[in-house]
């Protein structure tokens, strides 16, 4: 791979806007201002392991499907297992 440290953004972007002041909204922690998204990634990149620069990576077909089904402003709850 020519740029192994690159977190490639492919196919679609769903940009996230935080709703928790001090946690993901406002100041230096703001998800939207930090360009945190759901986005497609190359097929040869593992999505089972941490490796993004803050985004949530999905397979290209999955983000295309999600993009077509989710309206702007839809609430998203991201939790740890």
C-alpha atoms as a PDB file:
ATOM      1  CA  UNK A   1       0.000   0.000   0.000  1.00  0.00           C
ATOM      2  CA  UNK A   2       1.390   3.380  -0.973  1.00  0.00           C
ATOM      3  CA  UNK A   3       0.063   5.292   2.085  1.00  0.00           C
ATOM      4  CA  UNK A   4      -0.263   2.758   4.951  1.00  0.00           C
ATOM      5  CA  UNK A   5      -1.079   5.365   7.621  1.00  0.00           C
ATOM      6  CA  UNK A   6      -3.923   6.878   5.610  1.00  0.00           C
ATOM      7  CA  UNK A   7      -7.531   6.334   6.737  1.00  0.00           C
ATOM      8  CA  UNK A   8      -9.148   6.297   3.286  1.00  0.00           C
ATOM      9  CA  UNK A   9     -12.651   7.734   3.051  1.00  0.00           C
ATOM     10  CA  UNK A  10     -14.591   6.053   0.241  1.00  0.00           C
ATOM     11  CA  UNK A  11     -18.105   5.942  -1.248  1.00  0.00           C
ATOM     12  CA  UNK A  12     -20.241   7.976   1.238  1.00  0.00           C
ATOM     13  CA  UNK A  13     -19.917  10.127   4.364  1.00  0.00           C
ATOM     14  CA  UNK A  14     -22.459  10.479   7.158  1.00  0.00           C
ATOM     15  CA  UNK A  15     -21.091  13.317   9.294  1.00  0.00           C
ATOM     16  CA  UNK A  16     -21.865  13.189  13.011  1.00  0.00           C
ATOM     17  CA  UNK A  17     -22.953  16.107  15.192  1.00  0.00           C
ATOM     18  CA  UNK A  18     -22.638  15.554  18.942  1.00  0.00           C
ATOM     19  CA  UNK A  19     -25.452  16.272  21.363  1.00  0.00           C
ATOM     20  CA  UNK A  20     -23.588  16.056  24.702  1.00  0.00           C
ATOM     21  CA  UNK A  21     -21.992  19.399  25.690  1.00  0.00           C
ATOM     22  CA  UNK A  22     -18.427  18.860  26.890  1.00  0.00           C
ATOM     23  CA  UNK A  23     -18.316  15.285  25.593  1.00  0.00           C
ATOM     24  CA  UNK A  24     -18.914  15.500  21.820  1.00  0.00           C
ATOM     25  CA  UNK A  25     -20.421  18.962  21.351  1.00  0.00           C
ATOM     26  CA  UNK A  26     -18.623  22.278  21.619  1.00  0.00           C
ATOM     27  CA  UNK A  27     -15.011  23.319  22.099  1.00  0.00           C
ATOM     28  CA  UNK A  28     -12.149  21.027  21.118  1.00  0.00           C
ATOM     29  CA  UNK A  29     -14.295  17.903  21.551  1.00  0.00           C
ATOM     30  CA  UNK A  30     -16.950  18.761  18.967  1.00  0.00           C
ATOM     31  CA  UNK A  31     -17.578  15.768  16.672  1.00  0.00           C
ATOM     32  CA  UNK A  32     -18.845  17.900  13.792  1.00  0.00           C
ATOM     33  CA  UNK A  33     -15.970  20.393  13.899  1.00  0.00           C
ATOM     34  CA  UNK A  34     -13.490  17.485  14.119  1.00  0.00           C
ATOM     35  CA  UNK A  35     -15.026  15.886  10.981  1.00  0.00           C
ATOM     36  CA  UNK A  36     -16.082  12.616  12.620  1.00  0.00           C
ATOM     37  CA  UNK A  37     -18.133  10.468  10.245  1.00  0.00           C
ATOM     38  CA  UNK A  38     -19.381   7.083   9.253  1.00  0.00           C
ATOM     39  CA  UNK A  39     -17.583   6.349   5.979  1.00  0.00           C
ATOM     40  CA  UNK A  40     -16.683   3.617   3.520  1.00  0.00           C
ATOM     41  CA  UNK A  41     -13.223   2.076   3.587  1.00  0.00           C
ATOM     42  CA  UNK A  42     -11.120  -0.051   1.210  1.00  0.00           C
ATOM     43  CA  UNK A  43     -12.111  -3.714   1.021  1.00  0.00           C
ATOM     44  CA  UNK A  44      -8.685  -4.862   2.236  1.00  0.00           C
ATOM     45  CA  UNK A  45      -8.920  -2.898   5.524  1.00  0.00           C
ATOM     46  CA  UNK A  46     -10.119  -4.768   8.598  1.00  0.00           C
ATOM     47  CA  UNK A  47     -13.127  -3.132  10.220  1.00  0.00           C
ATOM     48  CA  UNK A  48     -12.916  -5.469  13.232  1.00  0.00           C
ATOM     49  CA  UNK A  49      -9.856  -3.692  14.634  1.00  0.00           C
ATOM     50  CA  UNK A  50      -9.327  -0.094  15.775  1.00  0.00           C
ATOM     51  CA  UNK A  51      -7.554   1.860  13.082  1.00  0.00           C
ATOM     52  CA  UNK A  52      -9.540   4.932  12.189  1.00  0.00           C
ATOM     53  CA  UNK A  53      -8.606   8.495  13.124  1.00  0.00           C
ATOM     54  CA  UNK A  54     -11.869   8.859  15.045  1.00  0.00           C
ATOM     55  CA  UNK A  55     -14.407   7.828  12.433  1.00  0.00           C
ATOM     56  CA  UNK A  56     -16.548   4.721  12.170  1.00  0.00           C
ATOM     57  CA  UNK A  57     -15.574   2.702   9.125  1.00  0.00           C
ATOM     58  CA  UNK A  58     -18.000   0.497   7.239  1.00  0.00           C
ATOM     59  CA  UNK A  59     -17.738  -1.688   4.192  1.00  0.00           C
ATOM     60  CA  UNK A  60     -18.518   0.335   1.070  1.00  0.00           C
ATOM     61  CA  UNK A  61     -21.768  -1.488   0.295  1.00  0.00           C
ATOM     62  CA  UNK A  62     -22.915  -1.086   3.904  1.00  0.00           C
ATOM     63  CA  UNK A  63     -22.388   2.694   3.943  1.00  0.00           C
ATOM     64  CA  UNK A  64     -24.129   3.048   0.554  1.00  0.00           C
ATOM     65  CA  UNK A  65     -27.122   1.132   1.933  1.00  0.00           C
ATOM     66  CA  UNK A  66     -27.144   3.117   5.188  1.00  0.00           C
ATOM     67  CA  UNK A  67     -26.789   6.441   3.346  1.00  0.00           C
ATOM     68  CA  UNK A  68     -29.826   5.641   1.225  1.00  0.00           C
ATOM     69  CA  UNK A  69     -31.980   4.679   4.254  1.00  0.00           C
ATOM     70  CA  UNK A  70     -31.101   7.283   6.904  1.00  0.00           C
ATOM     71  CA  UNK A  71     -32.506  10.800   6.823  1.00  0.00           C
ATOM     72  CA  UNK A  72     -30.438  13.830   7.829  1.00  0.00           C
ATOM     73  CA  UNK A  73     -30.878  14.546  11.542  1.00  0.00           C
ATOM     74  CA  UNK A  74     -31.519  10.911  12.508  1.00  0.00           C
ATOM     75  CA  UNK A  75     -30.266  10.374  16.082  1.00  0.00           C
ATOM     76  CA  UNK A  76     -27.379   7.916  16.398  1.00  0.00           C
ATOM     77  CA  UNK A  77     -26.356   6.288  19.684  1.00  0.00           C
ATOM     78  CA  UNK A  78     -22.781   4.951  19.707  1.00  0.00           C
ATOM     79  CA  UNK A  79     -21.857   2.747  22.650  1.00  0.00           C
ATOM     80  CA  UNK A  80     -19.031   0.439  23.624  1.00  0.00           C
ATOM     81  CA  UNK A  81     -19.705  -3.269  24.039  1.00  0.00           C
END
